[in-house]
């Protein structure tokens, strides 16, 4: 086998555990409202999309607030220093591992949507649609006022 092919095979095999459902377990650092890091591995929370860190939302009185930053802080507060278990589902186009992550038995992806800090990312999964609808009705988190869907905010570019 040629060296380049052997190298490619080794790299592919080394990445298999994260793609084959091997759990990632450890103390998590929150990157933003839908991305964490465990042991140097970036993990994108499956089925949800949170406002971007610099994204602002509008309160009913017209005041703006850093809802993306607040979403990340809410996730960070929820996790604390607890061990997080993430079950890999695949990788996204940026190489992040897509996972459902648990703190004890609590689905953190679900918690983010149910508490209004993220929306169900229907383009990729319908797992959290009911949680989003309940959060919307309760005017929880970002649903307390108005906001632009994170994917629309990103599509408009980085000049925000």
Protein backbone atom coordinates (compact mmCIF):
# COMPACT_ATOMS: atom_id res chain seq x y z
CA UNK A 1 0.00 0.00 0.00
CA UNK A 2 1.35 3.43 -0.88
CA UNK A 3 2.40 5.68 2.02
CA UNK A 4 -0.18 8.36 1.20
CA UNK A 5 -3.00 5.80 1.13
CA UNK A 6 -1.83 4.18 4.34
CA UNK A 7 -1.66 7.59 6.04
CA UNK A 8 -5.21 8.41 4.87
CA UNK A 9 -6.47 5.07 6.15
CA UNK A 10 -4.84 5.62 9.55
CA UNK A 11 -6.34 9.13 9.84
CA UNK A 12 -9.77 7.77 8.90
CA UNK A 13 -9.52 4.96 11.44
CA UNK A 14 -8.44 7.32 14.19
CA UNK A 15 -11.54 9.44 13.63
CA UNK A 16 -13.93 6.48 13.66
CA UNK A 17 -14.67 6.36 17.42
CA UNK A 18 -16.19 9.84 17.34
CA UNK A 19 -18.29 8.92 14.34
CA UNK A 20 -19.30 5.44 15.42
CA UNK A 21 -21.16 6.50 18.55
CA UNK A 22 -18.17 6.33 20.90
CA UNK A 23 -19.07 8.77 23.68
CA UNK A 24 -16.95 11.81 24.43
CA UNK A 25 -16.86 12.30 28.18
CA UNK A 26 -15.33 15.06 30.24
CA UNK A 27 -15.54 18.59 31.54
CA UNK A 28 -16.92 20.84 28.83
CA UNK A 29 -15.95 24.36 27.86
CA UNK A 30 -18.76 26.33 26.26
CA UNK A 31 -17.82 27.96 22.96
CA UNK A 32 -21.29 29.34 22.23
CA UNK A 33 -24.92 28.35 22.77
CA UNK A 34 -24.70 25.28 20.53
CA UNK A 35 -21.01 24.36 20.63
CA UNK A 36 -18.87 22.94 23.42
CA UNK A 37 -15.39 21.50 23.64
CA UNK A 38 -14.27 18.36 25.49
CA UNK A 39 -10.62 17.23 25.45
CA UNK A 40 -9.84 19.57 22.55
CA UNK A 41 -12.72 18.24 20.43
CA UNK A 42 -15.28 20.79 19.21
CA UNK A 43 -18.80 19.43 19.57
CA UNK A 44 -21.85 20.91 17.82
CA UNK A 45 -25.08 20.13 19.66
CA UNK A 46 -27.31 18.03 17.40
CA UNK A 47 -30.65 19.37 16.24
CA UNK A 48 -30.43 22.86 17.69
CA UNK A 49 -29.28 26.31 16.61
CA UNK A 50 -28.55 29.05 19.15
CA UNK A 51 -28.12 32.75 18.46
CA UNK A 52 -24.54 33.63 17.55
CA UNK A 53 -22.36 35.17 20.26
CA UNK A 54 -22.58 38.66 18.73
CA UNK A 55 -26.25 38.35 17.82
CA UNK A 56 -28.72 40.69 19.49
CA UNK A 57 -32.41 40.22 20.18
CA UNK A 58 -35.07 42.84 20.90
CA UNK A 59 -37.12 43.02 24.08
CA UNK A 60 -40.82 43.95 23.92
CA UNK A 61 -39.92 47.51 25.01
CA UNK A 62 -37.57 47.85 22.00
CA UNK A 63 -34.31 47.51 23.94
CA UNK A 64 -31.72 45.20 22.43
CA UNK A 65 -29.76 42.60 24.37
CA UNK A 66 -26.91 40.20 23.64
CA UNK A 67 -29.06 37.09 23.39
CA UNK A 68 -26.29 35.02 21.79
CA UNK A 69 -23.95 35.79 24.66
CA UNK A 70 -26.74 35.04 27.15
CA UNK A 71 -27.45 31.69 25.46
CA UNK A 72 -23.79 30.69 25.89
CA UNK A 73 -23.82 31.82 29.53
CA UNK A 74 -27.03 29.86 30.20
CA UNK A 75 -25.44 26.69 28.81
CA UNK A 76 -22.26 27.31 30.78
CA UNK A 77 -24.23 27.84 34.00
CA UNK A 78 -26.28 24.71 33.36
CA UNK A 79 -23.19 22.56 32.84
CA UNK A 80 -21.07 24.09 35.58
CA UNK A 81 -18.12 21.79 36.31
CA UNK A 82 -20.17 18.63 35.76
CA UNK A 83 -18.99 15.82 33.54
CA UNK A 84 -20.73 15.87 30.15
CA UNK A 85 -21.36 12.75 28.03
CA UNK A 86 -21.76 13.30 24.28
CA UNK A 87 -22.86 10.64 21.82
CA UNK A 88 -21.49 11.38 18.36
CA UNK A 89 -23.83 11.40 15.37
CA UNK A 90 -21.34 12.51 12.72
CA UNK A 91 -19.37 15.60 11.74
CA UNK A 92 -20.43 18.92 10.30
CA UNK A 93 -18.76 20.74 7.44
CA UNK A 94 -16.38 22.46 9.88
CA UNK A 95 -15.19 19.14 11.30
CA UNK A 96 -17.03 19.50 14.58
CA UNK A 97 -18.51 16.34 16.06
CA UNK A 98 -22.32 16.49 16.06
CA UNK A 99 -23.67 15.07 19.31
CA UNK A 100 -26.47 14.81 21.79
CA UNK A 101 -24.86 15.78 25.09
CA UNK A 102 -26.01 14.87 28.58
CA UNK A 103 -25.31 16.24 32.04
CA UNK A 104 -26.14 13.22 34.17
CA UNK A 105 -29.34 12.11 32.39
CA UNK A 106 -30.43 15.57 31.21
CA UNK A 107 -30.30 16.18 27.45
CA UNK A 108 -28.53 19.56 27.24
CA UNK A 109 -29.64 20.06 23.63
CA UNK A 110 -33.26 19.73 24.75
CA UNK A 111 -32.67 21.97 27.78
CA UNK A 112 -31.36 24.78 25.55
CA UNK A 113 -34.42 24.67 23.30
CA UNK A 114 -36.94 24.10 26.11
CA UNK A 115 -35.62 27.15 27.98
CA UNK A 116 -35.68 29.38 24.93
CA UNK A 117 -31.91 29.68 24.42
CA UNK A 118 -31.90 27.84 21.08
CA UNK A 119 -34.33 26.81 18.37
CA UNK A 120 -34.96 23.43 16.81
CA UNK A 121 -32.73 23.18 13.74
CA UNK A 122 -35.40 21.65 11.51
CA UNK A 123 -33.05 21.54 8.52
CA UNK A 124 -31.15 18.72 10.25
CA UNK A 125 -33.53 17.17 12.81
CA UNK A 126 -37.03 17.40 14.25
CA UNK A 127 -36.07 16.09 17.71
CA UNK A 128 -36.72 19.35 19.57
CA UNK A 129 -39.64 20.92 17.72
CA UNK A 130 -42.14 20.30 20.54
CA UNK A 131 -39.72 21.81 23.07
CA UNK A 132 -39.36 24.91 20.87
CA UNK A 133 -43.12 25.31 20.58
CA UNK A 134 -43.52 25.16 24.37
CA UNK A 135 -40.69 27.69 24.90
CA UNK A 136 -42.26 30.00 22.31
CA UNK A 137 -45.66 29.83 24.01
CA UNK A 138 -44.03 30.47 27.40
CA UNK A 139 -42.05 33.43 25.97
CA UNK A 140 -38.90 31.89 27.42
CA UNK A 141 -35.42 33.22 26.64
CA UNK A 142 -35.16 34.57 23.10
CA UNK A 143 -38.91 34.11 22.66
CA UNK A 144 -39.52 36.92 25.21
CA UNK A 145 -39.23 39.43 22.38
CA UNK A 146 -38.14 39.29 18.76
CA UNK A 147 -35.06 37.86 17.11
CA UNK A 148 -33.73 36.76 13.78
CA UNK A 149 -33.29 33.02 13.30
CA UNK A 150 -29.58 32.24 13.77
CA UNK A 151 -29.23 30.75 10.26
CA UNK A 152 -30.72 33.92 8.75
CA UNK A 153 -28.44 36.12 10.87
CA UNK A 154 -25.39 34.14 9.70
CA UNK A 155 -26.54 34.27 6.07
CA UNK A 156 -26.55 38.08 6.17
CA UNK A 157 -22.80 38.01 6.82
CA UNK A 158 -20.50 39.12 9.58
CA UNK A 159 -21.07 42.90 9.42
CA UNK A 160 -23.42 43.01 12.40
